[in-house]
PDB file of N, CA and C in Angstrom:
ATOM      1  N   MET A   1     -13.198  -0.330  -6.168  1.00  0.00           N
ATOM      2  CA  MET A   1     -11.775  -0.126  -6.339  1.00  0.00           C
ATOM      3  C   MET A   1     -10.992  -0.992  -5.356  1.00  0.00           C
ATOM      4  N   LYS A   2     -11.543  -1.163  -4.171  1.00  0.00           N
ATOM      5  CA  LYS A   2     -10.862  -1.989  -3.182  1.00  0.00           C
ATOM      6  C   LYS A   2     -10.695  -3.425  -3.689  1.00  0.00           C
ATOM      7  N   ALA A   3     -11.683  -3.900  -4.430  1.00  0.00           N
ATOM      8  CA  ALA A   3     -11.620  -5.263  -4.958  1.00  0.00           C
ATOM      9  C   ALA A   3     -10.480  -5.428  -5.961  1.00  0.00           C
ATOM     10  N   LEU A   4     -10.091  -4.360  -6.615  1.00  0.00           N
ATOM     11  CA  LEU A   4      -9.050  -4.443  -7.646  1.00  0.00           C
ATOM     12  C   LEU A   4      -7.645  -4.180  -7.122  1.00  0.00           C
ATOM     13  N   CYS A   5      -7.516  -3.868  -5.838  1.00  0.00           N
ATOM     14  CA  CYS A   5      -6.190  -3.495  -5.332  1.00  0.00           C
ATOM     15  C   CYS A   5      -5.302  -4.702  -5.029  1.00  0.00           C
ATOM     16  N   GLU A   6      -5.814  -5.896  -5.114  1.00  0.00           N
ATOM     17  CA  GLU A   6      -5.026  -7.099  -4.845  1.00  0.00           C
ATOM     18  C   GLU A   6      -4.483  -7.629  -6.173  1.00  0.00           C
ATOM     19  N   PRO A   7      -3.182  -7.894  -6.274  1.00  0.00           N
ATOM     20  CA  PRO A   7      -2.581  -8.295  -7.550  1.00  0.00           C
ATOM     21  C   PRO A   7      -3.221  -9.521  -8.208  1.00  0.00           C
ATOM     22  N   SER A   8      -3.583 -10.537  -7.432  1.00  0.00           N
ATOM     23  CA  SER A   8      -4.198 -11.729  -8.042  1.00  0.00           C
ATOM     24  C   SER A   8      -5.554 -11.390  -8.658  1.00  0.00           C
ATOM     25  N   ARG A   9      -6.303 -10.522  -8.009  1.00  0.00           N
ATOM     26  CA  ARG A   9      -7.605 -10.129  -8.570  1.00  0.00           C
ATOM     27  C   ARG A   9      -7.413  -9.319  -9.845  1.00  0.00           C
ATOM     28  N   CYS A  10      -6.394  -8.486  -9.878  1.00  0.00           N
ATOM     29  CA  CYS A  10      -6.108  -7.735 -11.114  1.00  0.00           C
ATOM     30  C   CYS A  10      -5.759  -8.690 -12.246  1.00  0.00           C
ATOM     31  N   ARG A  11      -4.983  -9.711 -11.942  1.00  0.00           N
ATOM     32  CA  ARG A  11      -4.621 -10.702 -12.961  1.00  0.00           C
ATOM     33  C   ARG A  11      -5.858 -11.458 -13.438  1.00  0.00           C
ATOM     34  N   ILE A  12      -6.754 -11.781 -12.517  1.00  0.00           N
ATOM     35  CA  ILE A  12      -8.005 -12.460 -12.889  1.00  0.00           C
ATOM     36  C   ILE A  12      -8.813 -11.573 -13.820  1.00  0.00           C
ATOM     37  N   VAL A  13      -8.923 -10.300 -13.494  1.00  0.00           N
ATOM     38  CA  VAL A  13      -9.675  -9.364 -14.344  1.00  0.00           C
ATOM     39  C   VAL A  13      -9.031  -9.277 -15.724  1.00  0.00           C
ATOM     40  N   MET A  14      -7.712  -9.228 -15.777  1.00  0.00           N
ATOM     41  CA  MET A  14      -7.022  -9.175 -17.076  1.00  0.00           C
ATOM     42  C   MET A  14      -7.328 -10.428 -17.896  1.00  0.00           C
ATOM     43  N   LEU A  15      -7.296 -11.586 -17.255  1.00  0.00           N
ATOM     44  CA  LEU A  15      -7.609 -12.829 -17.970  1.00  0.00           C
ATOM     45  C   LEU A  15      -9.056 -12.838 -18.444  1.00  0.00           C
ATOM     46  N   LEU A  16      -9.963 -12.410 -17.577  1.00  0.00           N
ATOM     47  CA  LEU A  16     -11.378 -12.414 -17.957  1.00  0.00           C
ATOM     48  C   LEU A  16     -11.687 -11.374 -19.023  1.00  0.00           C
ATOM     49  N   SER A  17     -10.818 -10.392 -19.204  1.00  0.00           N
ATOM     50  CA  SER A  17     -11.036  -9.417 -20.279  1.00  0.00           C
ATOM     51  C   SER A  17     -10.839 -10.069 -21.647  1.00  0.00           C
ATOM     52  N   GLU A  18     -10.167 -11.231 -21.648  1.00  0.00           N
ATOM     53  CA  GLU A  18      -9.926 -11.963 -22.891  1.00  0.00           C
ATOM     54  C   GLU A  18     -10.993 -13.006 -23.185  1.00  0.00           C
ATOM     55  N   GLY A  19     -11.797 -13.373 -22.176  1.00  0.00           N
ATOM     56  CA  GLY A  19     -12.822 -14.387 -22.377  1.00  0.00           C
ATOM     57  C   GLY A  19     -13.249 -15.007 -21.064  1.00  0.00           C
ATOM     58  N   THR A  20     -14.061 -16.055 -21.139  1.00  0.00           N
ATOM     59  CA  THR A  20     -14.562 -16.708 -19.933  1.00  0.00           C
ATOM     60  C   THR A  20     -13.604 -17.797 -19.465  1.00  0.00           C
ATOM     61  N   TYR A  21     -13.589 -18.003 -18.162  1.00  0.00           N
ATOM     62  CA  TYR A  21     -12.764 -19.044 -17.560  1.00  0.00           C
ATOM     63  C   TYR A  21     -13.522 -19.666 -16.395  1.00  0.00           C
ATOM     64  N   CYS A  22     -13.231 -20.935 -16.129  1.00  0.00           N
ATOM     65  CA  CYS A  22     -13.744 -21.573 -14.920  1.00  0.00           C
ATOM     66  C   CYS A  22     -12.670 -21.431 -13.834  1.00  0.00           C
ATOM     67  N   VAL A  23     -13.030 -21.745 -12.612  1.00  0.00           N
ATOM     68  CA  VAL A  23     -12.121 -21.607 -11.476  1.00  0.00           C
ATOM     69  C   VAL A  23     -10.847 -22.419 -11.687  1.00  0.00           C
ATOM     70  N   ASN A  24     -10.989 -23.664 -12.133  1.00  0.00           N
ATOM     71  CA  ASN A  24      -9.811 -24.527 -12.292  1.00  0.00           C
ATOM     72  C   ASN A  24      -8.847 -23.990 -13.346  1.00  0.00           C
ATOM     73  N   ALA A  25      -9.357 -23.462 -14.428  1.00  0.00           N
ATOM     74  CA  ALA A  25      -8.488 -22.898 -15.462  1.00  0.00           C
ATOM     75  C   ALA A  25      -7.747 -21.672 -14.925  1.00  0.00           C
ATOM     76  N   LEU A  26      -8.452 -20.828 -14.206  1.00  0.00           N
ATOM     77  CA  LEU A  26      -7.810 -19.649 -13.626  1.00  0.00           C
ATOM     78  C   LEU A  26      -6.736 -20.064 -12.615  1.00  0.00           C
ATOM     79  N   ALA A  27      -7.047 -21.067 -11.791  1.00  0.00           N
ATOM     80  CA  ALA A  27      -6.090 -21.545 -10.792  1.00  0.00           C
ATOM     81  C   ALA A  27      -4.830 -22.064 -11.469  1.00  0.00           C
ATOM     82  N   TYR A  28      -5.001 -22.825 -12.546  1.00  0.00           N
ATOM     83  CA  TYR A  28      -3.867 -23.381 -13.270  1.00  0.00           C
ATOM     84  C   TYR A  28      -2.995 -22.264 -13.861  1.00  0.00           C
ATOM     85  N   ILE A  29      -3.633 -21.315 -14.520  1.00  0.00           N
ATOM     86  CA  ILE A  29      -2.895 -20.221 -15.164  1.00  0.00           C
ATOM     87  C   ILE A  29      -2.175 -19.358 -14.131  1.00  0.00           C
ATOM     88  N   LEU A  30      -2.850 -19.066 -13.026  1.00  0.00           N
ATOM     89  CA  LEU A  30      -2.283 -18.184 -12.003  1.00  0.00           C
ATOM     90  C   LEU A  30      -1.314 -18.900 -11.061  1.00  0.00           C
ATOM     91  N   GLY A  31      -1.365 -20.224 -11.039  1.00  0.00           N
ATOM     92  CA  GLY A  31      -0.492 -20.975 -10.158  1.00  0.00           C
ATOM     93  C   GLY A  31      -0.875 -20.868  -8.689  1.00  0.00           C
ATOM     94  N   ILE A  32      -2.176 -20.711  -8.436  1.00  0.00           N
ATOM     95  CA  ILE A  32      -2.672 -20.665  -7.056  1.00  0.00           C
ATOM     96  C   ILE A  32      -3.800 -21.685  -6.920  1.00  0.00           C
ATOM     97  N   SER A  33      -4.217 -21.957  -5.712  1.00  0.00           N
ATOM     98  CA  SER A  33      -5.246 -22.974  -5.496  1.00  0.00           C
ATOM     99  C   SER A  33      -6.607 -22.523  -6.012  1.00  0.00           C
ATOM    100  N   ALA A  34      -7.432 -23.503  -6.341  1.00  0.00           N
ATOM    101  CA  ALA A  34      -8.793 -23.214  -6.799  1.00  0.00           C
ATOM    102  C   ALA A  34      -9.592 -22.511  -5.710  1.00  0.00           C
ATOM    103  N   SER A  35      -9.348 -22.865  -4.447  1.00  0.00           N
ATOM    104  CA  SER A  35     -10.080 -22.199  -3.365  1.00  0.00           C
ATOM    105  C   SER A  35      -9.675 -20.730  -3.248  1.00  0.00           C
ATOM    106  N   ALA A  36      -8.402 -20.425  -3.490  1.00  0.00           N
ATOM    107  CA  ALA A  36      -7.956 -19.017  -3.475  1.00  0.00           C
ATOM    108  C   ALA A  36      -8.622 -18.249  -4.616  1.00  0.00           C
ATOM    109  N   VAL A  37      -8.678 -18.869  -5.791  1.00  0.00           N
ATOM    110  CA  VAL A  37      -9.337 -18.232  -6.938  1.00  0.00           C
ATOM    111  C   VAL A  37     -10.812 -17.995  -6.620  1.00  0.00           C
ATOM    112  N   SER A  38     -11.464 -18.973  -6.010  1.00  0.00           N
ATOM    113  CA  SER A  38     -12.877 -18.834  -5.654  1.00  0.00           C
ATOM    114  C   SER A  38     -13.095 -17.662  -4.710  1.00  0.00           C
ATOM    115  N   GLN A  39     -12.198 -17.495  -3.751  1.00  0.00           N
ATOM    116  CA  GLN A  39     -12.321 -16.364  -2.819  1.00  0.00           C
ATOM    117  C   GLN A  39     -12.149 -15.035  -3.546  1.00  0.00           C
ATOM    118  N   HIS A  40     -11.187 -14.958  -4.440  1.00  0.00           N
ATOM    119  CA  HIS A  40     -10.983 -13.731  -5.220  1.00  0.00           C
ATOM    120  C   HIS A  40     -12.204 -13.446  -6.095  1.00  0.00           C
ATOM    121  N   LEU A  41     -12.734 -14.494  -6.725  1.00  0.00           N
ATOM    122  CA  LEU A  41     -13.904 -14.311  -7.582  1.00  0.00           C
ATOM    123  C   LEU A  41     -15.124 -13.873  -6.774  1.00  0.00           C
ATOM    124  N   ARG A  42     -15.256 -14.373  -5.553  1.00  0.00           N
ATOM    125  CA  ARG A  42     -16.369 -13.965  -4.694  1.00  0.00           C
ATOM    126  C   ARG A  42     -16.306 -12.458  -4.439  1.00  0.00           C
ATOM    127  N   ILE A  43     -15.114 -11.958  -4.145  1.00  0.00           N
ATOM    128  CA  ILE A  43     -14.943 -10.522  -3.892  1.00  0.00           C
ATOM    129  C   ILE A  43     -15.234  -9.712  -5.154  1.00  0.00           C
ATOM    130  N   LEU A  44     -14.743 -10.188  -6.287  1.00  0.00           N
ATOM    131  CA  LEU A  44     -14.997  -9.498  -7.558  1.00  0.00           C
ATOM    132  C   LEU A  44     -16.474  -9.537  -7.916  1.00  0.00           C
ATOM    133  N   ARG A  45     -17.133 -10.657  -7.616  1.00  0.00           N
ATOM    134  CA  ARG A  45     -18.570 -10.784  -7.888  1.00  0.00           C
ATOM    135  C   ARG A  45     -19.366  -9.834  -6.998  1.00  0.00           C
ATOM    136  N   GLU A  46     -19.017  -9.765  -5.718  1.00  0.00           N
ATOM    137  CA  GLU A  46     -19.702  -8.859  -4.794  1.00  0.00           C
ATOM    138  C   GLU A  46     -19.519  -7.399  -5.193  1.00  0.00           C
ATOM    139  N   ALA A  47     -18.389  -7.094  -5.813  1.00  0.00           N
ATOM    140  CA  ALA A  47     -18.131  -5.729  -6.281  1.00  0.00           C
ATOM    141  C   ALA A  47     -18.817  -5.451  -7.620  1.00  0.00           C
ATOM    142  N   GLY A  48     -19.405  -6.489  -8.219  1.00  0.00           N
ATOM    143  CA  GLY A  48     -20.094  -6.323  -9.492  1.00  0.00           C
ATOM    144  C   GLY A  48     -19.178  -6.296 -10.691  1.00  0.00           C
ATOM    145  N   ILE A  49     -17.941  -6.737 -10.513  1.00  0.00           N
ATOM    146  CA  ILE A  49     -16.969  -6.680 -11.606  1.00  0.00           C
ATOM    147  C   ILE A  49     -17.034  -7.925 -12.480  1.00  0.00           C
ATOM    148  N   VAL A  50     -17.388  -9.060 -11.888  1.00  0.00           N
ATOM    149  CA  VAL A  50     -17.545 -10.296 -12.654  1.00  0.00           C
ATOM    150  C   VAL A  50     -18.911 -10.900 -12.346  1.00  0.00           C
ATOM    151  N   TYR A  51     -19.356 -11.754 -13.217  1.00  0.00           N
ATOM    152  CA  TYR A  51     -20.565 -12.536 -12.968  1.00  0.00           C
ATOM    153  C   TYR A  51     -20.320 -13.951 -13.459  1.00  0.00           C
ATOM    154  N   SER A  52     -21.141 -14.852 -12.982  1.00  0.00           N
ATOM    155  CA  SER A  52     -20.930 -16.260 -13.314  1.00  0.00           C
ATOM    156  C   SER A  52     -22.117 -16.809 -14.070  1.00  0.00           C
ATOM    157  N   GLU A  53     -21.841 -17.871 -14.812  1.00  0.00           N
ATOM    158  CA  GLU A  53     -22.915 -18.609 -15.474  1.00  0.00           C
ATOM    159  C   GLU A  53     -22.536 -20.084 -15.488  1.00  0.00           C
ATOM    160  N   LYS A  54     -23.533 -20.893 -15.262  1.00  0.00           N
ATOM    161  CA  LYS A  54     -23.340 -22.336 -15.211  1.00  0.00           C
ATOM    162  C   LYS A  54     -23.338 -22.877 -16.637  1.00  0.00           C
ATOM    163  N   LEU A  55     -22.267 -23.588 -16.974  1.00  0.00           N
ATOM    164  CA  LEU A  55     -22.158 -24.240 -18.281  1.00  0.00           C
ATOM    165  C   LEU A  55     -21.847 -25.714 -18.023  1.00  0.00           C
ATOM    166  N   GLY A  56     -22.856 -26.551 -18.102  1.00  0.00           N
ATOM    167  CA  GLY A  56     -22.673 -27.968 -17.779  1.00  0.00           C
ATOM    168  C   GLY A  56     -22.387 -28.129 -16.302  1.00  0.00           C
ATOM    169  N   TYR A  57     -21.310 -28.833 -15.990  1.00  0.00           N
ATOM    170  CA  TYR A  57     -20.931 -29.067 -14.596  1.00  0.00           C
ATOM    171  C   TYR A  57     -20.126 -27.917 -14.005  1.00  0.00           C
ATOM    172  N   HIS A  58     -19.670 -27.026 -14.835  1.00  0.00           N
ATOM    173  CA  HIS A  58     -18.750 -25.984 -14.380  1.00  0.00           C
ATOM    174  C   HIS A  58     -19.402 -24.613 -14.400  1.00  0.00           C
ATOM    175  N   THR A  59     -18.919 -23.768 -13.513  1.00  0.00           N
ATOM    176  CA  THR A  59     -19.322 -22.366 -13.500  1.00  0.00           C
ATOM    177  C   THR A  59     -18.223 -21.571 -14.171  1.00  0.00           C
ATOM    178  N   HIS A  60     -18.611 -20.801 -15.151  1.00  0.00           N
ATOM    179  CA  HIS A  60     -17.661 -19.953 -15.865  1.00  0.00           C
ATOM    180  C   HIS A  60     -17.892 -18.509 -15.461  1.00  0.00           C
ATOM    181  N   TYR A  61     -16.811 -17.757 -15.446  1.00  0.00           N
ATOM    182  CA  TYR A  61     -16.868 -16.361 -15.021  1.00  0.00           C
ATOM    183  C   TYR A  61     -16.573 -15.444 -16.179  1.00  0.00           C
ATOM    184  N   ARG A  62     -17.308 -14.341 -16.185  1.00  0.00           N
ATOM    185  CA  ARG A  62     -17.144 -13.313 -17.212  1.00  0.00           C
ATOM    186  C   ARG A  62     -16.937 -11.974 -16.543  1.00  0.00           C
ATOM    187  N   LEU A  63     -16.249 -11.114 -17.242  1.00  0.00           N
ATOM    188  CA  LEU A  63     -16.047  -9.752 -16.790  1.00  0.00           C
ATOM    189  C   LEU A  63     -17.292  -8.942 -17.131  1.00  0.00           C
ATOM    190  N   ASP A  64     -17.793  -8.182 -16.183  1.00  0.00           N
ATOM    191  CA  ASP A  64     -18.904  -7.273 -16.465  1.00  0.00           C
ATOM    192  C   ASP A  64     -18.289  -5.985 -17.004  1.00  0.00           C
ATOM    193  N   LYS A  65     -18.136  -5.938 -18.315  1.00  0.00           N
ATOM    194  CA  LYS A  65     -17.424  -4.827 -18.949  1.00  0.00           C
ATOM    195  C   LYS A  65     -18.143  -3.504 -18.768  1.00  0.00           C
ATOM    196  N   ASP A  66     -19.475  -3.526 -18.697  1.00  0.00           N
ATOM    197  CA  ASP A  66     -20.218  -2.281 -18.459  1.00  0.00           C
ATOM    198  C   ASP A  66     -19.887  -1.707 -17.085  1.00  0.00           C
ATOM    199  N   ARG A  67     -19.840  -2.570 -16.072  1.00  0.00           N
ATOM    200  CA  ARG A  67     -19.516  -2.126 -14.715  1.00  0.00           C
ATOM    201  C   ARG A  67     -18.084  -1.617 -14.652  1.00  0.00           C
ATOM    202  N   LEU A  68     -17.166  -2.302 -15.321  1.00  0.00           N
ATOM    203  CA  LEU A  68     -15.771  -1.883 -15.321  1.00  0.00           C
ATOM    204  C   LEU A  68     -15.614  -0.537 -16.036  1.00  0.00           C
ATOM    205  N   LEU A  69     -16.365  -0.337 -17.105  1.00  0.00           N
ATOM    206  CA  LEU A  69     -16.348   0.940 -17.817  1.00  0.00           C
ATOM    207  C   LEU A  69     -16.889   2.058 -16.933  1.00  0.00           C
ATOM    208  N   GLU A  70     -17.925   1.760 -16.154  1.00  0.00           N
ATOM    209  CA  GLU A  70     -18.469   2.718 -15.192  1.00  0.00           C
ATOM    210  C   GLU A  70     -17.392   3.153 -14.201  1.00  0.00           C
ATOM    211  N   LEU A  71     -16.666   2.174 -13.673  1.00  0.00           N
ATOM    212  CA  LEU A  71     -15.586   2.471 -12.731  1.00  0.00           C
ATOM    213  C   LEU A  71     -14.496   3.310 -13.394  1.00  0.00           C
ATOM    214  N   ALA A  72     -14.135   2.956 -14.609  1.00  0.00           N
ATOM    215  CA  ALA A  72     -13.096   3.693 -15.329  1.00  0.00           C
ATOM    216  C   ALA A  72     -13.524   5.140 -15.562  1.00  0.00           C
ATOM    217  N   ASN A  73     -14.778   5.351 -15.926  1.00  0.00           N
ATOM    218  CA  ASN A  73     -15.272   6.709 -16.135  1.00  0.00           C
ATOM    219  C   ASN A  73     -15.278   7.501 -14.832  1.00  0.00           C
ATOM    220  N   GLY A  74     -15.606   6.830 -13.737  1.00  0.00           N
ATOM    221  CA  GLY A  74     -15.563   7.494 -12.440  1.00  0.00           C
ATOM    222  C   GLY A  74     -14.157   7.928 -12.067  1.00  0.00           C
ATOM    223  N   ILE A  75     -13.190   7.071 -12.336  1.00  0.00           N
ATOM    224  CA  ILE A  75     -11.798   7.408 -12.052  1.00  0.00           C
ATOM    225  C   ILE A  75     -11.343   8.537 -12.972  1.00  0.00           C
ATOM    226  N   ALA A  76     -11.710   8.467 -14.242  1.00  0.00           N
ATOM    227  CA  ALA A  76     -11.333   9.521 -15.190  1.00  0.00           C
ATOM    228  C   ALA A  76     -11.923  10.864 -14.759  1.00  0.00           C
ATOM    229  N   GLY A  77     -13.111  10.835 -14.166  1.00  0.00           N
ATOM    230  CA  GLY A  77     -13.746  12.069 -13.697  1.00  0.00           C
ATOM    231  C   GLY A  77     -12.941  12.757 -12.608  1.00  0.00           C
ATOM    232  N   LEU A  78     -12.161  12.000 -11.873  1.00  0.00           N
ATOM    233  CA  LEU A  78     -11.336  12.594 -10.816  1.00  0.00           C
ATOM    234  C   LEU A  78     -10.220  13.455 -11.384  1.00  0.00           C
ATOM    235  N   THR A  79      -9.868  13.228 -12.648  1.00  0.00           N
ATOM    236  CA  THR A  79      -8.757  13.964 -13.251  1.00  0.00           C
ATOM    237  C   THR A  79      -9.203  15.235 -13.970  1.00  0.00           C
ATOM    238  N   ARG A  80     -10.499  15.434 -14.103  1.00  0.00           N
ATOM    239  CA  ARG A  80     -10.984  16.640 -14.790  1.00  0.00           C
ATOM    240  C   ARG A  80     -10.728  17.882 -13.939  1.00  0.00           C
ATOM    241  N   GLU A  81     -10.454  18.982 -14.608  1.00  0.00           N
ATOM    242  CA  GLU A  81     -10.200  20.248 -13.909  1.00  0.00           C
ATOM    243  C   GLU A  81     -11.434  20.673 -13.132  1.00  0.00           C
ATOM    244  N   LYS A  82     -11.186  21.096 -11.901  1.00  0.00           N
ATOM    245  CA  LYS A  82     -12.254  21.578 -11.039  1.00  0.00           C
ATOM    246  C   LYS A  82     -11.793  22.888 -10.421  1.00  0.00           C
ATOM    247  N   PRO A  83     -12.727  23.720  -9.991  1.00  0.00           N
ATOM    248  CA  PRO A  83     -12.312  24.989  -9.384  1.00  0.00           C
ATOM    249  C   PRO A  83     -11.565  24.751  -8.078  1.00  0.00           C
ATOM    250  N   ASP A  84     -10.612  25.612  -7.803  1.00  0.00           N
ATOM    251  CA  ASP A  84      -9.857  25.538  -6.551  1.00  0.00           C
ATOM    252  C   ASP A  84     -10.613  26.337  -5.509  1.00  0.00           C
ATOM    253  N   ASN A  85     -11.352  25.662  -4.674  1.00  0.00           N
ATOM    254  CA  ASN A  85     -12.201  26.328  -3.686  1.00  0.00           C
ATOM    255  C   ASN A  85     -11.405  27.076  -2.635  1.00  0.00           C
ATOM    256  N   CYS A  86     -10.155  26.727  -2.457  1.00  0.00           N
ATOM    257  CA  CYS A  86      -9.334  27.408  -1.456  1.00  0.00           C
ATOM    258  C   CYS A  86      -8.807  28.745  -1.958  1.00  0.00           C
ATOM    259  N   ARG A  87      -8.824  28.954  -3.244  1.00  0.00           N
ATOM    260  CA  ARG A  87      -8.166  30.153  -3.778  1.00  0.00           C
ATOM    261  C   ARG A  87      -9.056  31.016  -4.646  1.00  0.00           C
ATOM    262  N   LYS A  88     -10.347  30.954  -4.438  1.00  0.00           N
ATOM    263  CA  LYS A  88     -11.233  31.833  -5.193  1.00  0.00           C
ATOM    264  C   LYS A  88     -10.961  33.272  -4.785  1.00  0.00           C
ATOM    265  N   LYS A  89     -11.026  34.177  -5.728  1.00  0.00           N
ATOM    266  CA  LYS A  89     -10.797  35.594  -5.452  1.00  0.00           C
ATOM    267  C   LYS A  89     -11.814  36.089  -4.430  1.00  0.00           C
ATOM    268  N   GLY A  90     -11.303  36.707  -3.392  1.00  0.00           N
ATOM    269  CA  GLY A  90     -12.176  37.311  -2.391  1.00  0.00           C
ATOM    270  C   GLY A  90     -12.771  36.336  -1.397  1.00  0.00           C
ATOM    271  N   VAL A  91     -12.411  35.053  -1.499  1.00  0.00           N
ATOM    272  CA  VAL A  91     -12.957  34.067  -0.575  1.00  0.00           C
ATOM    273  C   VAL A  91     -11.794  33.441   0.181  1.00  0.00           C
ATOM    274  N   GLY A  92     -11.863  33.489   1.498  1.00  0.00           N
ATOM    275  CA  GLY A  92     -10.819  32.874   2.309  1.00  0.00           C
ATOM    276  C   GLY A  92     -11.019  31.375   2.381  1.00  0.00           C
ATOM    277  N   CYS A  93      -9.977  30.683   2.696  1.00  0.00           N
ATOM    278  CA  CYS A  93     -10.038  29.238   2.832  1.00  0.00           C
ATOM    279  C   CYS A  93     -10.712  28.893   4.150  1.00  0.00           C
ATOM    280  N   GLU A  94     -11.849  28.204   4.076  1.00  0.00           N
ATOM    281  CA  GLU A  94     -12.567  27.812   5.295  1.00  0.00           C
ATOM    282  C   GLU A  94     -11.751  26.852   6.144  1.00  0.00           C
ATOM    283  N   ALA A  95     -10.959  26.003   5.503  1.00  0.00           N
ATOM    284  CA  ALA A  95     -10.149  25.036   6.240  1.00  0.00           C
ATOM    285  C   ALA A  95      -9.097  25.740   7.091  1.00  0.00           C
ATOM    286  N   ALA A  96      -8.650  26.931   6.660  1.00  0.00           N
ATOM    287  CA  ALA A  96      -7.655  27.662   7.433  1.00  0.00           C
ATOM    288  C   ALA A  96      -8.189  27.978   8.821  1.00  0.00           C
ATOM    289  N   LYS A  97      -9.483  28.201   8.910  1.00  0.00           N
ATOM    290  CA  LYS A  97     -10.092  28.534  10.194  1.00  0.00           C
ATOM    291  C   LYS A  97     -10.385  27.290  11.022  1.00  0.00           C
ATOM    292  N   THR A  98     -10.695  26.168  10.368  1.00  0.00           N
ATOM    293  CA  THR A  98     -11.141  24.989  11.103  1.00  0.00           C
ATOM    294  C   THR A  98     -10.061  23.948  11.341  1.00  0.00           C
ATOM    295  N   VAL A  99      -9.251  23.636  10.354  1.00  0.00           N
ATOM    296  CA  VAL A  99      -8.256  22.572  10.523  1.00  0.00           C
ATOM    297  C   VAL A  99      -6.825  23.048  10.305  1.00  0.00           C
ATOM    298  N   GLY A 100      -6.644  24.326  10.139  1.00  0.00           N
ATOM    299  CA  GLY A 100      -5.286  24.852  10.036  1.00  0.00           C
ATOM    300  C   GLY A 100      -4.669  24.733   8.663  1.00  0.00           C
ATOM    301  N   CYS A 101      -5.474  24.859   7.615  1.00  0.00           N
ATOM    302  CA  CYS A 101      -4.936  24.835   6.254  1.00  0.00           C
ATOM    303  C   CYS A 101      -3.936  25.969   6.098  1.00  0.00           C
ATOM    304  N   LYS A 102      -2.792  25.682   5.526  1.00  0.00           N
ATOM    305  CA  LYS A 102      -1.747  26.689   5.395  1.00  0.00           C
ATOM    306  C   LYS A 102      -1.688  27.268   3.981  1.00  0.00           C
ATOM    307  N   THR A 103      -2.684  26.992   3.174  1.00  0.00           N
ATOM    308  CA  THR A 103      -2.677  27.456   1.787  1.00  0.00           C
ATOM    309  C   THR A 103      -2.522  28.965   1.697  1.00  0.00           C
ATOM    310  N   GLU A 104      -3.273  29.694   2.531  1.00  0.00           N
ATOM    311  CA  GLU A 104      -3.232  31.154   2.445  1.00  0.00           C
ATOM    312  C   GLU A 104      -1.885  31.723   2.875  1.00  0.00           C
ATOM    313  N   ARG A 105      -1.155  30.979   3.693  1.00  0.00           N
ATOM    314  CA  ARG A 105       0.100  31.484   4.237  1.00  0.00           C
ATOM    315  C   ARG A 105       1.308  30.804   3.619  1.00  0.00           C
ATOM    316  N   ASN A 106       1.144  30.101   2.495  1.00  0.00           N
ATOM    317  CA  ASN A 106       2.243  29.345   1.911  1.00  0.00           C
ATOM    318  C   ASN A 106       2.744  30.057   0.654  1.00  0.00           C
ATOM    319  N   PRO A 107       3.784  30.901   0.775  1.00  0.00           N
ATOM    320  CA  PRO A 107       4.274  31.636  -0.397  1.00  0.00           C
ATOM    321  C   PRO A 107       4.808  30.727  -1.496  1.00  0.00           C
ATOM    322  N   LYS A 108       5.347  29.559  -1.121  1.00  0.00           N
ATOM    323  CA  LYS A 108       5.851  28.630  -2.128  1.00  0.00           C
ATOM    324  C   LYS A 108       4.716  28.140  -3.017  1.00  0.00           C
ATOM    325  N   ALA A 109       3.556  27.807  -2.417  1.00  0.00           N
ATOM    326  CA  ALA A 109       2.388  27.365  -3.202  1.00  0.00           C
ATOM    327  C   ALA A 109       1.932  28.485  -4.115  1.00  0.00           C
ATOM    328  N   GLU A 110       1.984  29.726  -3.631  1.00  0.00           N
ATOM    329  CA  GLU A 110       1.572  30.850  -4.473  1.00  0.00           C
ATOM    330  C   GLU A 110       2.512  31.027  -5.653  1.00  0.00           C
ATOM    331  N   ARG A 111       3.818  30.845  -5.432  1.00  0.00           N
ATOM    332  CA  ARG A 111       4.778  30.935  -6.531  1.00  0.00           C
ATOM    333  C   ARG A 111       4.493  29.890  -7.598  1.00  0.00           C
ATOM    334  N   ASN A 112       4.156  28.676  -7.175  1.00  0.00           N
ATOM    335  CA  ASN A 112       3.874  27.599  -8.130  1.00  0.00           C
ATOM    336  C   ASN A 112       2.655  27.915  -8.961  1.00  0.00           C
ATOM    337  N   ASP A 113       1.662  28.581  -8.371  1.00  0.00           N
ATOM    338  CA  ASP A 113       0.463  28.938  -9.122  1.00  0.00           C
ATOM    339  C   ASP A 113       0.757  30.017 -10.163  1.00  0.00           C
ATOM    340  N   ASN A 114       1.681  30.897  -9.877  1.00  0.00           N
ATOM    341  CA  ASN A 114       1.983  31.996 -10.800  1.00  0.00           C
ATOM    342  C   ASN A 114       2.952  31.580 -11.883  1.00  0.00           C
ATOM    343  N   ALA A 115       3.554  30.424 -11.761  1.00  0.00           N
ATOM    344  CA  ALA A 115       4.552  29.972 -12.746  1.00  0.00           C
ATOM    345  C   ALA A 115       3.918  29.537 -14.032  1.00  0.00           C
TER     346      ALA A 115
END
């Protein structure tokens, strides 16, 4: 995810989702230097998001769609409903004892849950 947080890398991923590109083509389209594109591609390659293949004199880059789908599924998993461990019936919040969680003492939070 860290590899995708930079806008130029996101643009590279969007372009590669449409097909393969070499460094010079990406540099031209993005309006940045070929060396900057190479650095971005290195980070994306290390993250497993893109891979390269040699075609003649040029190296072309492709999006690893399986890896990107894996990441997307992982992110989607964060949105699935999970039990609220702080508010189980009959169980106190452990964080209240250790780090000062105010969940048990927050009437506003309780009102929101009952709404």
